[in-house]
């Protein structure tokens, strides 16, 4: 707040006493200087909540707003993030989409692709094991199994058991023919992620 604006809030007697060189005038100058940093923040406060504009140190905090804080869960507060900041910003930006499709194959696959930057995750439901999900991890994401497991546990339906298989698991079931084979057509996202919508020829998946 400028000194003139502060002065107008004072009683008339104080305004007359706040002339140049007065003690009260000096105090008003100090108040203006003290307000300046806070007013600069308030003038651009929307940047704090924009996933691609917020400061680096605020990104992890925003994951709580979109229920994606399980991605950055760590035993110590000073532990490094398990994924690059760019990936974390993508997750925050698509938080509403992920919440809408949570509990569906599309939602889980999208969350995994955003967090790892890799495509090719295969979700299989063995007919001999109802309410059980097998997630096959592509080779490009094999070094992030802990992150993948946390996401799978959070995105799966509550009544479903889950099994995460890395590419080196010899006992892993064969992927369904309709799904992309593990390790094939894997891509790494660069910059802001673009999330494809569910295929139009597939029946729409309703969130559980």
Protein backbone atom coordinates (compact mmCIF):
# COMPACT_ATOMS: atom_id res chain seq x y z
CA UNK A 1 0.00 0.00 0.00
CA UNK A 2 1.36 3.37 -1.01
CA UNK A 3 2.10 6.01 1.61
CA UNK A 4 -0.65 8.30 0.25
CA UNK A 5 -3.23 5.51 0.54
CA UNK A 6 -2.19 4.77 4.12
CA UNK A 7 -2.34 8.46 5.00
CA UNK A 8 -5.92 8.75 3.72
CA UNK A 9 -6.97 6.09 6.27
CA UNK A 10 -5.77 8.21 9.19
CA UNK A 11 -7.91 10.74 11.11
CA UNK A 12 -7.72 14.31 9.77
CA UNK A 13 -5.51 15.46 12.66
CA UNK A 14 -2.94 12.76 11.89
CA UNK A 15 -3.03 13.58 8.17
CA UNK A 16 -2.13 17.18 8.95
CA UNK A 17 0.76 15.96 11.14
CA UNK A 18 2.16 13.64 8.43
CA UNK A 19 3.82 16.35 6.39
CA UNK A 20 7.31 16.09 4.83
CA UNK A 21 10.07 15.72 7.41
CA UNK A 22 7.70 14.75 10.23
CA UNK A 23 8.08 11.68 12.41
CA UNK A 24 4.68 10.39 11.31
CA UNK A 25 5.62 10.91 7.67
CA UNK A 26 8.78 8.83 8.18
CA UNK A 27 6.71 6.06 9.78
CA UNK A 28 4.36 6.04 6.77
CA UNK A 29 7.36 5.68 4.46
CA UNK A 30 8.52 2.67 6.50
CA UNK A 31 5.04 1.11 6.34
CA UNK A 32 5.00 1.46 2.55
CA UNK A 33 8.37 -0.31 2.30
CA UNK A 34 7.23 -3.12 4.59
CA UNK A 35 4.06 -3.70 2.55
CA UNK A 36 5.88 -3.86 -0.79
CA UNK A 37 7.09 -7.53 -0.68
CA UNK A 38 3.69 -8.86 0.39
CA UNK A 39 1.88 -6.81 -2.25
CA UNK A 40 4.23 -8.17 -4.92
CA UNK A 41 3.26 -11.72 -3.91
CA UNK A 42 -0.46 -10.91 -3.86
CA UNK A 43 -0.27 -9.26 -7.28
CA UNK A 44 0.83 -12.59 -8.79
CA UNK A 45 -0.70 -15.01 -6.30
CA UNK A 46 -2.33 -17.13 -9.02
CA UNK A 47 1.16 -18.23 -10.08
CA UNK A 48 1.51 -20.15 -6.81
CA UNK A 49 -1.31 -22.49 -7.79
CA UNK A 50 -0.50 -22.96 -11.47
CA UNK A 51 1.31 -26.30 -11.81
CA UNK A 52 3.67 -24.98 -14.49
CA UNK A 53 4.23 -21.55 -12.87
CA UNK A 54 4.57 -22.35 -9.17
CA UNK A 55 8.07 -22.33 -7.63
CA UNK A 56 9.87 -25.68 -7.50
CA UNK A 57 9.53 -25.91 -3.73
CA UNK A 58 5.74 -25.60 -3.92
CA UNK A 59 5.05 -28.37 -6.45
CA UNK A 60 5.11 -31.22 -3.93
CA UNK A 61 2.69 -29.30 -1.72
CA UNK A 62 0.22 -28.96 -4.61
CA UNK A 63 0.11 -32.75 -4.99
CA UNK A 64 -1.91 -32.81 -1.75
CA UNK A 65 -4.56 -30.61 -3.34
CA UNK A 66 -5.18 -33.16 -6.11
CA UNK A 67 -4.78 -36.32 -3.97
CA UNK A 68 -1.50 -37.32 -5.61
CA UNK A 69 0.75 -36.90 -2.56
CA UNK A 70 1.31 -40.68 -2.42
CA UNK A 71 3.65 -40.19 -5.38
CA UNK A 72 6.10 -38.15 -3.30
CA UNK A 73 5.66 -40.15 -0.09
CA UNK A 74 9.05 -40.56 1.59
CA UNK A 75 10.23 -41.68 5.04
CA UNK A 76 12.09 -38.39 5.54
CA UNK A 77 10.93 -34.87 4.78
CA UNK A 78 14.34 -34.01 3.28
CA UNK A 79 14.39 -37.05 0.98
CA UNK A 80 14.78 -36.27 -2.75
CA UNK A 81 11.74 -36.52 -5.00
CA UNK A 82 11.32 -39.94 -6.66
CA UNK A 83 10.65 -38.33 -10.06
CA UNK A 84 11.71 -35.17 -11.92
CA UNK A 85 9.87 -31.94 -11.14
CA UNK A 86 8.53 -31.80 -14.68
CA UNK A 87 6.75 -35.12 -14.20
CA UNK A 88 5.37 -33.94 -10.88
CA UNK A 89 4.01 -30.79 -12.51
CA UNK A 90 2.30 -32.95 -15.15
CA UNK A 91 0.62 -35.03 -12.43
CA UNK A 92 -0.66 -31.91 -10.67
CA UNK A 93 -1.92 -30.43 -13.94
CA UNK A 94 -3.89 -33.62 -14.70
CA UNK A 95 -5.04 -34.18 -11.11
CA UNK A 96 -8.74 -33.65 -11.91
CA UNK A 97 -8.57 -36.10 -14.81
CA UNK A 98 -6.84 -38.73 -12.69
CA UNK A 99 -9.39 -38.31 -9.89
CA UNK A 100 -12.24 -38.79 -12.36
CA UNK A 101 -10.80 -42.03 -13.77
CA UNK A 102 -9.34 -43.44 -10.53
CA UNK A 103 -10.07 -47.16 -10.21
CA UNK A 104 -10.12 -47.78 -13.99
CA UNK A 105 -7.45 -49.19 -16.33
CA UNK A 106 -7.30 -45.88 -18.21
CA UNK A 107 -6.77 -43.92 -14.98
CA UNK A 108 -4.02 -46.20 -13.70
CA UNK A 109 -2.22 -46.34 -17.03
CA UNK A 110 -2.39 -42.56 -17.41
CA UNK A 111 -1.00 -41.97 -13.91
CA UNK A 112 1.86 -44.39 -14.55
CA UNK A 113 2.71 -42.80 -17.90
CA UNK A 114 2.65 -39.28 -16.48
CA UNK A 115 4.85 -40.20 -13.51
CA UNK A 116 7.43 -42.23 -15.46
CA UNK A 117 7.28 -40.66 -18.91
CA UNK A 118 7.09 -44.17 -20.36
CA UNK A 119 4.29 -45.92 -22.22
CA UNK A 120 3.79 -49.67 -22.61
CA UNK A 121 2.34 -50.60 -19.20
CA UNK A 122 0.18 -53.72 -19.57
CA UNK A 123 -2.75 -54.30 -17.22
CA UNK A 124 -3.98 -57.89 -17.19
CA UNK A 125 -6.88 -59.50 -15.27
CA UNK A 126 -6.26 -63.27 -15.23
CA UNK A 127 -9.56 -65.15 -15.73
CA UNK A 128 -8.53 -67.77 -13.18
CA UNK A 129 -8.04 -65.10 -10.47
CA UNK A 130 -11.04 -62.80 -10.20
CA UNK A 131 -10.52 -59.40 -8.56
CA UNK A 132 -6.78 -59.62 -9.18
CA UNK A 133 -4.74 -57.28 -11.37
CA UNK A 134 -1.32 -57.94 -12.90
CA UNK A 135 0.66 -54.87 -13.95
CA UNK A 136 3.54 -55.54 -16.34
CA UNK A 137 6.21 -52.81 -16.23
CA UNK A 138 8.00 -51.96 -19.51
CA UNK A 139 11.82 -52.18 -19.50
CA UNK A 140 12.20 -48.39 -19.72
CA UNK A 141 10.52 -48.03 -16.31
CA UNK A 142 12.13 -51.03 -14.62
CA UNK A 143 14.32 -48.79 -12.46
CA UNK A 144 11.26 -47.09 -10.90
CA UNK A 145 9.44 -50.09 -9.44
CA UNK A 146 8.96 -48.46 -6.03
CA UNK A 147 7.26 -45.45 -7.61
CA UNK A 148 5.16 -47.67 -9.90
CA UNK A 149 4.05 -49.83 -6.96
CA UNK A 150 2.94 -46.81 -4.91
CA UNK A 151 0.89 -45.49 -7.81
CA UNK A 152 -0.70 -48.87 -8.55
CA UNK A 153 -1.68 -49.37 -4.91
CA UNK A 154 -3.32 -45.93 -4.81
CA UNK A 155 -5.09 -46.12 -8.19
CA UNK A 156 -6.50 -49.65 -8.04
CA UNK A 157 -10.03 -50.40 -6.78
CA UNK A 158 -10.05 -51.13 -3.04
CA UNK A 159 -11.45 -54.65 -3.48
CA UNK A 160 -8.79 -55.72 -6.00
CA UNK A 161 -5.47 -57.38 -5.21
CA UNK A 162 -2.53 -56.39 -7.36
CA UNK A 163 0.79 -57.77 -8.55
CA UNK A 164 3.50 -55.64 -10.15
CA UNK A 165 5.87 -57.56 -12.43
CA UNK A 166 9.17 -56.21 -13.72
CA UNK A 167 10.53 -57.21 -17.15
CA UNK A 168 12.96 -59.69 -15.54
CA UNK A 169 10.21 -61.74 -13.89
CA UNK A 170 10.33 -65.09 -15.67
CA UNK A 171 6.97 -66.16 -14.28
CA UNK A 172 5.11 -63.13 -15.65
CA UNK A 173 1.96 -64.04 -17.64
CA UNK A 174 1.85 -63.34 -21.36
CA UNK A 175 0.22 -59.98 -22.20
CA UNK A 176 -3.14 -59.90 -23.92
CA UNK A 177 -2.94 -59.59 -27.70
CA UNK A 178 -4.90 -56.34 -27.61
CA UNK A 179 -2.38 -54.74 -25.27
CA UNK A 180 1.00 -53.40 -26.43
CA UNK A 181 3.87 -55.76 -25.65
CA UNK A 182 6.20 -54.74 -22.84
CA UNK A 183 9.19 -52.84 -24.13
CA UNK A 184 7.56 -52.03 -27.49
CA UNK A 185 6.71 -48.50 -28.55
CA UNK A 186 7.90 -47.01 -25.29
CA UNK A 187 8.35 -43.25 -25.43
CA UNK A 188 9.63 -40.69 -23.01
CA UNK A 189 7.54 -37.58 -22.66
CA UNK A 190 9.32 -34.26 -23.07
CA UNK A 191 8.04 -31.01 -21.60
CA UNK A 192 4.35 -30.78 -20.74
CA UNK A 193 2.68 -34.14 -21.05
CA UNK A 194 -0.26 -34.65 -23.38
CA UNK A 195 -2.72 -37.22 -22.12
CA UNK A 196 -4.74 -39.06 -24.78
CA UNK A 197 -8.43 -39.60 -24.19
CA UNK A 198 -9.84 -43.15 -24.05
CA UNK A 199 -10.10 -44.69 -27.50
CA UNK A 200 -13.49 -43.87 -29.12
CA UNK A 201 -14.13 -47.45 -30.17
CA UNK A 202 -13.78 -48.73 -26.63
CA UNK A 203 -16.80 -48.72 -24.31
CA UNK A 204 -16.48 -45.82 -21.88
CA UNK A 205 -15.08 -46.76 -18.50
CA UNK A 206 -17.01 -45.34 -15.60
CA UNK A 207 -15.05 -44.42 -12.50
CA UNK A 208 -15.52 -46.83 -9.64
